Amino acid sequence: MAHSTQNSLRLSIGLPVYNGERYLAEAFDGFLAQTFQDFEIVVSDNASTDHTAEICRSFAERDPRIRYYRNEKNLGAIPNFNRVFELSRLPLFKWAAHDDLYHPRYIETCIRILDENPDVILAHSKTAFVDDRGESFPVDPTTGNYVDPRTGVVQTADSPFIADSPVAILRFWQVLSRASWGTHMFGIVRREMLQKTCLVPDFSGGDRAMLAELALLGRFKCANERLFLKRFHVNVSWALDHKELKNFLSTDGKRYSRRLRQIKAFFGAPTGKPIDVVSKSVCFMLVAAHSAKTVVQLVGQNDPRRAAHGYGWRGPHASGLRQRTPG
């Protein structure tokens, strides 16, 4: 397949990775097989200790669109996710976890949505859940939910209609209350809009705060096909305790209250956004109401492990920022 010229590229794919040797080559192959090819792949290797560097360099030598960077030390997952955006340069941007999969038409479909809908700032697709071999989870025919064949747990993908309202405060509320997985962050977003956010703040579930900011800037739109394949495997963060998870997300060693950072991020989301004073006030009330409801639920459940990981702001699982080895 002929490579695109640098001048024709439209999309930067940011790929943060740490010790990703098991799935990394498959991720590269999946992007290089996309029907849309006018992209670059920006890789930030978070000081991996396995064969990640060799795999990345091998692909970069074969394709000039792949730019490989290696951090001198492990920055933590969240700083590395933000770093790939900072290293990118094209008008459209997409985060990618090294262990997820995509249908070959994923990028083409999302970019078509953005081209045909100027008011849409983030395009994505429906999500399917797959196992460590890339095999689809069984689907419950009565509910359409997925069943994890390893655990028997029923998993429900986020609604495709989250943040697809013309009303900013409704989009904000939908992300706040219904975006359990955060898979939207792996859609394709307009760079100029992502630059108006604080990117991903440094706490577990910070990807949702970033999505809440984006939702106040414009609509998300979902393709009516399951083109994004979220992979489940043993190296996921719900196997980590609270301290391990904090150290995984950031390695700066700073002590902080996740709850306070979370509240600050959501209350700060409306600042600088193109909404009126009344809408900002409503956003503040929604955050306060949701926070109070969450505290009541946690007290009633009396589940210390769940409180440590979720605080009710998202389900027990999440995007690549919740996996042990994405970045």
Protein backbone atom coordinates (compact mmCIF):
# COMPACT_ATOMS: atom_id res chain seq x y z
CA MET A 1 0.00 0.00 0.00
CA ALA A 2 1.40 3.40 -0.96
CA HIS A 3 2.12 5.75 1.91
CA SER A 4 0.43 9.12 2.15
CA THR A 5 2.59 12.20 1.79
CA GLN A 6 3.22 14.27 4.90
CA ASN A 7 1.22 17.16 3.44
CA SER A 8 -1.89 15.01 3.01
CA LEU A 9 -2.03 13.69 6.57
CA ARG A 10 -5.09 14.68 8.60
CA LEU A 11 -5.06 12.50 11.71
CA SER A 12 -2.58 11.93 14.54
CA ILE A 13 -3.02 8.64 16.38
CA GLY A 14 -1.48 8.90 19.82
CA LEU A 15 -0.30 5.53 21.13
CA PRO A 16 1.05 5.59 24.72
CA VAL A 17 2.49 2.21 25.70
CA TYR A 18 4.28 0.46 28.52
CA ASN A 19 5.37 -3.19 28.28
CA GLY A 20 2.92 -3.83 25.48
CA GLU A 21 4.76 -6.55 23.59
CA ARG A 22 1.86 -9.03 23.66
CA TYR A 23 -0.60 -6.92 21.65
CA LEU A 24 1.45 -4.06 20.19
CA ALA A 25 2.24 -5.55 16.77
CA GLU A 26 -1.43 -6.39 16.31
CA ALA A 27 -2.33 -2.77 17.10
CA PHE A 28 0.11 -1.46 14.46
CA ASP A 29 -1.13 -3.97 11.89
CA GLY A 30 -4.71 -2.96 12.59
CA PHE A 31 -4.06 0.72 11.92
CA LEU A 32 -1.95 0.04 8.85
CA ALA A 33 -4.86 -2.01 7.46
CA GLN A 34 -7.37 0.83 7.82
CA THR A 35 -9.22 1.96 4.69
CA PHE A 36 -8.26 5.56 5.60
CA GLN A 37 -4.49 6.00 5.50
CA ASP A 38 -3.85 9.75 5.84
CA PHE A 39 -2.56 9.53 9.41
CA GLU A 40 0.56 9.50 11.52
CA ILE A 41 1.09 7.30 14.60
CA VAL A 42 2.84 8.99 17.52
CA VAL A 43 4.18 6.42 19.99
CA SER A 44 5.39 7.32 23.47
CA ASP A 45 7.09 4.36 25.11
CA ASN A 46 6.97 4.79 28.88
CA ALA A 47 10.42 3.26 29.53
CA SER A 48 9.25 -0.27 28.78
CA THR A 49 11.36 -3.17 30.00
CA ASP A 50 10.12 -5.81 27.53
CA HIS A 51 10.39 -5.92 23.71
CA THR A 52 8.14 -2.87 23.16
CA ALA A 53 11.02 -0.70 21.89
CA GLU A 54 12.15 -3.28 19.32
CA ILE A 55 8.60 -3.72 18.01
CA CYS A 56 8.07 0.04 17.69
CA ARG A 57 11.40 0.65 15.96
CA SER A 58 10.73 -2.20 13.53
CA PHE A 59 7.42 -0.69 12.43
CA ALA A 60 8.86 2.87 12.35
CA GLU A 61 11.66 1.74 10.03
CA ARG A 62 9.07 0.38 7.60
CA ASP A 63 6.65 3.29 7.69
CA PRO A 64 7.70 6.97 7.97
CA ARG A 65 4.27 7.88 9.36
CA ILE A 66 5.20 6.16 12.64
CA ARG A 67 7.12 8.43 15.02
CA TYR A 68 8.63 6.66 18.01
CA TYR A 69 9.62 8.38 21.25
CA ARG A 70 10.90 6.76 24.41
CA ASN A 71 10.72 8.35 27.86
CA GLU A 72 13.88 8.14 29.95
CA LYS A 73 11.76 7.06 32.92
CA ASN A 74 8.20 5.88 33.45
CA LEU A 75 6.04 8.99 33.79
CA GLY A 76 2.88 7.12 34.72
CA ALA A 77 -0.04 6.34 32.44
CA ILE A 78 -1.83 9.69 32.56
CA PRO A 79 1.20 11.92 31.80
CA ASN A 80 2.08 9.57 28.95
CA PHE A 81 -1.44 9.77 27.50
CA ASN A 82 -1.17 13.55 27.54
CA ARG A 83 2.35 13.42 26.10
CA VAL A 84 1.26 11.75 22.86
CA PHE A 85 -1.18 14.58 22.26
CA GLU A 86 1.53 17.15 22.92
CA LEU A 87 3.80 15.37 20.41
CA SER A 88 1.08 15.25 17.75
CA ARG A 89 0.53 17.97 15.15
CA LEU A 90 -2.42 17.27 12.82
CA PRO A 91 -5.95 18.75 12.80
CA LEU A 92 -7.60 15.55 14.05
CA PHE A 93 -6.47 13.42 16.97
CA LYS A 94 -7.17 9.98 18.34
CA TRP A 95 -5.90 8.20 21.44
CA ALA A 96 -5.29 4.48 21.08
CA ALA A 97 -4.56 1.82 23.69
CA HIS A 98 -2.11 -0.79 22.45
CA ASP A 99 -4.42 -3.68 23.33
CA ASP A 100 -7.69 -2.61 21.65
CA LEU A 101 -8.80 -3.51 18.11
CA TYR A 102 -10.65 -1.72 15.31
CA HIS A 103 -12.62 -2.69 12.25
CA PRO A 104 -10.72 -1.59 9.09
CA ARG A 105 -13.38 1.06 8.38
CA TYR A 106 -13.24 2.66 11.83
CA ILE A 107 -11.15 5.72 10.96
CA GLU A 108 -12.84 6.30 7.60
CA THR A 109 -16.27 6.15 9.23
CA CYS A 110 -15.42 8.55 12.05
CA ILE A 111 -13.77 11.09 9.77
CA ARG A 112 -16.77 11.02 7.46
CA ILE A 113 -18.98 11.88 10.44
CA LEU A 114 -16.79 14.88 11.27
CA ASP A 115 -16.67 16.05 7.65
CA GLU A 116 -20.43 15.86 7.26
CA ASN A 117 -21.30 17.39 10.66
CA PRO A 118 -19.36 20.59 11.44
CA ASP A 119 -21.02 20.85 14.87
CA VAL A 120 -19.71 17.44 15.91
CA ILE A 121 -16.34 17.60 17.69
CA LEU A 122 -15.86 13.92 18.53
CA ALA A 123 -16.80 10.93 16.37
CA HIS A 124 -16.72 7.34 17.54
CA SER A 125 -18.52 4.03 17.00
CA LYS A 126 -20.46 1.47 18.97
CA THR A 127 -18.31 -0.81 21.10
CA ALA A 128 -17.97 -4.58 21.11
CA PHE A 129 -16.19 -6.46 23.90
CA VAL A 130 -13.58 -9.09 23.03
CA ASP A 131 -11.35 -11.45 25.00
CA ASP A 132 -7.57 -11.63 25.13
CA ARG A 133 -7.50 -13.48 21.77
CA GLY A 134 -9.74 -10.91 20.07
CA GLU A 135 -12.77 -13.21 20.09
CA SER A 136 -16.10 -11.47 20.65
CA PHE A 137 -17.92 -11.97 23.94
CA PRO A 138 -21.21 -13.87 23.67
CA VAL A 139 -24.26 -11.63 23.43
CA ASP A 140 -27.37 -12.09 25.57
CA PRO A 141 -30.14 -12.21 22.92
CA THR A 142 -32.77 -10.76 25.27
CA THR A 143 -30.83 -7.67 26.37
CA GLY A 144 -28.07 -7.23 23.80
CA ASN A 145 -25.53 -7.16 26.64
CA TYR A 146 -22.21 -8.96 26.50
CA VAL A 147 -21.29 -11.84 28.79
CA ASP A 148 -17.66 -12.22 29.84
CA PRO A 149 -17.00 -15.92 29.12
CA ARG A 150 -14.24 -16.06 31.73
CA THR A 151 -16.19 -14.62 34.64
CA GLY A 152 -19.83 -14.81 33.54
CA VAL A 153 -20.22 -11.12 34.33
CA VAL A 154 -22.68 -9.22 32.14
CA GLN A 155 -21.15 -6.10 30.57
CA THR A 156 -23.10 -3.27 28.95
CA ALA A 157 -21.44 -0.86 26.54
CA ASP A 158 -22.11 2.85 26.95
CA SER A 159 -25.10 4.25 25.09
CA PRO A 160 -24.23 5.55 21.60
CA PHE A 161 -26.37 8.62 22.30
CA ILE A 162 -24.24 10.01 25.15
CA ALA A 163 -23.32 13.67 24.45
CA ASP A 164 -25.22 13.72 21.15
CA SER A 165 -27.60 16.47 22.28
CA PRO A 166 -27.59 20.03 20.89
CA VAL A 167 -27.86 21.24 24.52
CA ALA A 168 -24.50 21.56 26.29
CA ILE A 169 -25.70 20.91 29.85
CA LEU A 170 -27.48 17.73 28.72
CA ARG A 171 -24.28 16.49 27.10
CA PHE A 172 -22.38 17.30 30.28
CA TRP A 173 -24.90 15.42 32.44
CA GLN A 174 -24.85 12.39 30.16
CA VAL A 175 -21.08 12.08 30.44
CA LEU A 176 -21.22 12.66 34.19
CA SER A 177 -23.94 10.11 34.89
CA ARG A 178 -23.84 7.55 32.07
CA ALA A 179 -20.35 7.28 30.56
CA SER A 180 -19.23 4.29 32.61
CA TRP A 181 -16.50 3.00 30.32
CA GLY A 182 -14.99 6.18 28.90
CA THR A 183 -14.60 4.54 25.48
CA HIS A 184 -15.51 7.87 23.88
CA MET A 185 -11.96 9.06 24.54
CA PHE A 186 -10.77 6.63 21.87
CA GLY A 187 -12.86 8.35 19.22
CA ILE A 188 -11.53 10.94 16.78
CA VAL A 189 -11.65 14.51 18.05
CA ARG A 190 -10.97 17.92 16.51
CA ARG A 191 -7.58 19.05 17.81
CA GLU A 192 -8.63 22.66 18.33
CA MET A 193 -11.35 21.50 20.72
CA LEU A 194 -9.13 19.16 22.71
CA GLN A 195 -6.70 22.06 23.16
CA LYS A 196 -9.47 23.92 25.01
CA THR A 197 -9.52 21.29 27.76
CA CYS A 198 -7.06 20.50 30.53
CA LEU A 199 -6.47 17.13 28.83
CA VAL A 200 -6.60 14.15 31.22
CA PRO A 201 -6.24 15.23 34.87
CA ASP A 202 -4.08 13.16 37.16
CA PHE A 203 -6.43 10.84 39.04
CA SER A 204 -8.23 7.58 38.40
CA GLY A 205 -11.18 8.32 36.12
CA GLY A 206 -9.66 11.58 34.88
CA ASP A 207 -10.55 10.60 31.32
CA ARG A 208 -14.19 11.18 32.22
CA ALA A 209 -13.45 14.71 33.42
CA MET A 210 -11.77 15.41 30.09
CA LEU A 211 -14.83 14.06 28.25
CA ALA A 212 -17.08 16.27 30.37
CA GLU A 213 -15.09 19.31 29.26
CA LEU A 214 -15.34 18.25 25.63
CA ALA A 215 -19.09 17.73 25.98
CA LEU A 216 -19.48 21.40 26.89
CA LEU A 217 -17.65 22.37 23.69
CA GLY A 218 -19.70 20.38 21.18
CA ARG A 219 -21.56 17.23 20.23
CA PHE A 220 -20.28 13.67 20.11
CA LYS A 221 -21.68 11.43 17.39
CA CYS A 222 -21.57 7.64 17.22
CA ALA A 223 -21.52 5.48 14.08
CA ASN A 224 -24.27 2.88 14.06
CA GLU A 225 -21.81 -0.01 13.79
CA ARG A 226 -19.62 -1.86 16.30
CA LEU A 227 -16.25 -0.86 14.88
CA PHE A 228 -14.34 -0.45 18.15
CA LEU A 229 -13.34 -3.66 19.91
CA LYS A 230 -12.46 -3.24 23.57
CA ARG A 231 -10.25 -6.05 24.76
CA PHE A 232 -10.50 -7.68 28.18
CA HIS A 233 -7.44 -9.45 29.54
CA VAL A 234 -5.84 -10.25 32.88
CA ASN A 235 -3.65 -7.12 33.06
CA VAL A 236 -6.40 -4.69 34.01
CA SER A 237 -6.46 -2.31 36.92
CA TRP A 238 -9.35 -3.70 38.90
CA ALA A 239 -6.79 -6.28 40.03
CA LEU A 240 -4.83 -3.41 41.64
CA ASP A 241 -5.43 -1.96 45.06
CA HIS A 242 -5.83 1.78 45.51
CA LYS A 243 -2.13 2.47 46.16
CA GLU A 244 -0.99 0.36 43.19
CA LEU A 245 -3.47 2.10 40.90
CA LYS A 246 -2.31 5.56 41.99
CA ASN A 247 1.33 4.64 41.35
CA PHE A 248 0.43 3.21 37.94
CA LEU A 249 -1.38 6.35 36.81
CA SER A 250 1.39 8.73 37.89
CA THR A 251 4.90 8.15 39.19
CA ASP A 252 5.52 11.59 40.69
CA GLY A 253 4.98 10.23 44.21
CA LYS A 254 2.79 13.17 45.28
CA ARG A 255 0.22 12.55 48.01
CA TYR A 256 -3.26 13.76 47.14
CA SER A 257 -6.95 13.15 47.66
CA ARG A 258 -8.46 11.56 44.57
CA ARG A 259 -11.88 12.74 45.69
CA LEU A 260 -10.77 16.36 45.95
CA ARG A 261 -9.04 16.29 42.55
CA GLN A 262 -12.14 14.73 41.07
CA ILE A 263 -14.48 17.37 42.47
CA LYS A 264 -12.13 20.17 41.41
CA ALA A 265 -11.95 18.82 37.84
CA PHE A 266 -15.72 18.51 37.40
CA PHE A 267 -16.55 21.81 39.06
CA GLY A 268 -13.86 23.44 36.91
CA ALA A 269 -15.07 21.90 33.65
CA PRO A 270 -17.48 24.78 32.74
CA THR A 271 -14.77 27.43 33.16
CA GLY A 272 -13.86 29.02 29.84
CA LYS A 273 -16.49 27.09 27.92
CA PRO A 274 -18.90 28.80 25.47
CA ILE A 275 -21.98 28.51 27.70
CA ASP A 276 -23.92 31.22 29.52
CA VAL A 277 -23.90 31.91 33.25
CA VAL A 278 -27.16 30.07 33.85
CA SER A 279 -25.85 26.95 32.10
CA LYS A 280 -22.64 27.09 34.14
CA SER A 281 -24.69 27.32 37.33
CA VAL A 282 -26.73 24.31 36.27
CA CYS A 283 -23.51 22.36 35.63
CA PHE A 284 -22.29 23.17 39.14
CA MET A 285 -25.60 21.95 40.60
CA LEU A 286 -25.45 18.75 38.57
CA VAL A 287 -21.95 17.98 39.84
CA ALA A 288 -23.01 18.68 43.44
CA ALA A 289 -26.14 16.53 43.13
CA HIS A 290 -24.29 13.65 41.51
CA SER A 291 -21.53 13.84 44.10
CA ALA A 292 -24.03 13.74 46.97
CA LYS A 293 -25.86 10.80 45.43
CA THR A 294 -22.59 8.95 45.01
CA VAL A 295 -21.64 9.40 48.66
CA VAL A 296 -25.02 8.08 49.80
CA GLN A 297 -24.70 5.04 47.55
CA LEU A 298 -21.20 4.25 48.80
CA VAL A 299 -22.18 4.55 52.45
CA GLY A 300 -25.10 2.20 51.82
CA GLN A 301 -22.95 -0.33 50.01
CA ASN A 302 -20.17 -0.18 52.62
CA ASP A 303 -17.70 -1.61 50.12
CA PRO A 304 -14.15 -0.26 50.75
CA ARG A 305 -12.65 -1.76 47.58
CA ARG A 306 -15.32 -0.25 45.35
CA ALA A 307 -14.98 3.09 47.11
CA ALA A 308 -11.24 3.06 46.48
CA HIS A 309 -11.57 2.39 42.78
CA GLY A 310 -14.79 3.94 41.61
CA TYR A 311 -16.28 6.50 43.99
CA GLY A 312 -19.39 5.92 41.92
CA TRP A 313 -18.24 8.25 39.16
CA ARG A 314 -17.70 5.36 36.80
CA GLY A 315 -18.09 1.60 36.80
CA PRO A 316 -15.41 -0.77 38.06
CA HIS A 317 -13.86 -0.92 34.59
CA ALA A 318 -12.87 1.89 32.30
CA SER A 319 -10.82 3.01 29.38
CA GLY A 320 -7.17 2.26 28.72
CA LEU A 321 -6.26 4.54 31.62
CA ARG A 322 -7.55 1.79 33.88
CA GLN A 323 -5.44 -0.98 32.36
CA ARG A 324 -2.08 -1.95 33.77
CA THR A 325 -0.15 -1.73 30.53
CA PRO A 326 -1.52 0.93 28.16
CA GLY A 327 0.90 3.70 28.78
